[in-house]
Each structure stands twice: as structure tokens, then as C-alpha cells.
């Protein structure tokens, strides 16, 4: 037996009171439930929209990240196949009516994928300019030999050197040479370091062909696969800064070329574009 909490009238089992207060309460409850349903539907639609935009953004970034894809294409593909699984796992933990709604999670998963792509871009140096800066920095570091070889030799030549147990020896020789240069400096003198890029010019087709021959000759020298295809490249005029033996700040300029080898990524040629003609 139940009684109305507003008027005290007895309420039949399974029934409801017909007083004005009870009716008003029921109307408010129905309106609240309706609005909650509308909000949930709106949230789900918004999640679907954001998810689509996130996936589109990730796809666009992946397409534009050609420099990175040469090195990490397989990793990106593996990461993309895991997004759906990640969305499924996270959707199970959503509260209420959003539970098991993958669409609501794709937005977060898409953002994660975008961050991964951006991180990869940072790791691999940001294209031709990043490769150039990394090479110049390694050239003044007595532990930079491994980086120098990785940026100046085709990957097949590096593999051949490792197979012959010669790679580590070459790294050590380069490190020792840089260390000797540092030791020979006067007290106030420094090794030139990168300051800025003064000019960047696109290499001509003939210069790109000459770059292919240059790297093919390196591969031949180390009995490596010489299937080299240079897809694009630039000559950079770089300004270097250092202090001379008197401690005075000085500048030098140097021209270097950076080209992209299909499958290998960006590589440095320590000479000007004119030397390729």
C-alpha cells in the first residue's frame, strides 16, 4: 500500500496519484528524460562528426608526410590498423548510453594518430633542412660519425659495410678525425657551427642525374645494391659561425646539396651543385 507524498491520498498498486502536484512531477520527469535523450543524440552526432574530421586530418597528414613515409611507412600502416581496436577497447569504458559507441572514441584515436605522425616528423628531422642541420651538427661532434655516415651513404652501402664488419671501424675513424680537429684548436677557437640558411635552390634534372651517379659510385665501391633513384634535391648556402684563435666571432659560408633517394630518404652531398654538373 502506497500513499502520495504530496497529498497523502492512498495510491493503488502500480498506479499513480492524480493530484496536481503528482501530475506536475511526472511532466517534469518526462521532459528531463526527453532532454537527456536529445543531449545524448547530439553528443553522439558530434562525436561522429569530430571522428570523421579527425580521420580525414590524419589521412591528409599521412599523405603529406612523404619524407617520413619513406622511413616509417610500415609503422604508420600498423598504427592505422590498431586505431579501430583501440576505439573498441575505449568505447567499452564509456558511461551510460555512450557505452560501446566506437564513433565517440574515434575522435580521441584520431588525435592520437595525428600526434604520432607529428612525433615521427620530429624524430626524422623535418625533411631536407632538418637533414642538413643534423649533418652540420654531427660534423662538429666527436661522436657524430654514425650520424654522418647515415646521412651521406645510401642505405644499401651502410648494410654492406655492416655485413663486412667495417661500419663501426669507419664510425670510429670519423670520430677520431673530428676529435683531432677539436684538439688542434687554439684556446679561444671553435669549430664552425650552423647559424642559418642563406639560400635554397632546387637542383636541375641534370644535377639530380649526376647525384644518382654519385651515390651509385659509392654503392659500387662497397659492393652494394646500386639501384639508386634520386627524386628531388636542393643546394643550400649555409652560414656558419665560429670564434677564431683571438676569440673574435667570425662567419663562413658553405654550399652543400641535400637530395632524396627513393626508399632511403634525404642524403647529404658535401659539395655545391656546380660540382654535380
Foldseek 3Di string as FASTA:
>chain_A
DDADPPPRHDAPVPGFDPDPVRVVVVVVVVVVVVVVVVVVVVLLVVLLVLLVVLVVVLVVLVVVVVLLCLPCVVVLVVLVVCLQVVLQVVLCPDDDPSRRPSSNCSNVSSVVSVVVSVVSCVVVQPAQVRLVQLLQVLQLALQSLVSVCLQAAFPQLCVLCVVVVNNVVSSNVSSVVSVVVQVPAAPLKGDWHFDFWDDKAWADPLLQVLVLVVNLVSCVVSVTDSPWHWDTKIKTWTKTWIAHNVNDIDIDIAIKMWIQTRSSGIHIDRHHSVVSD
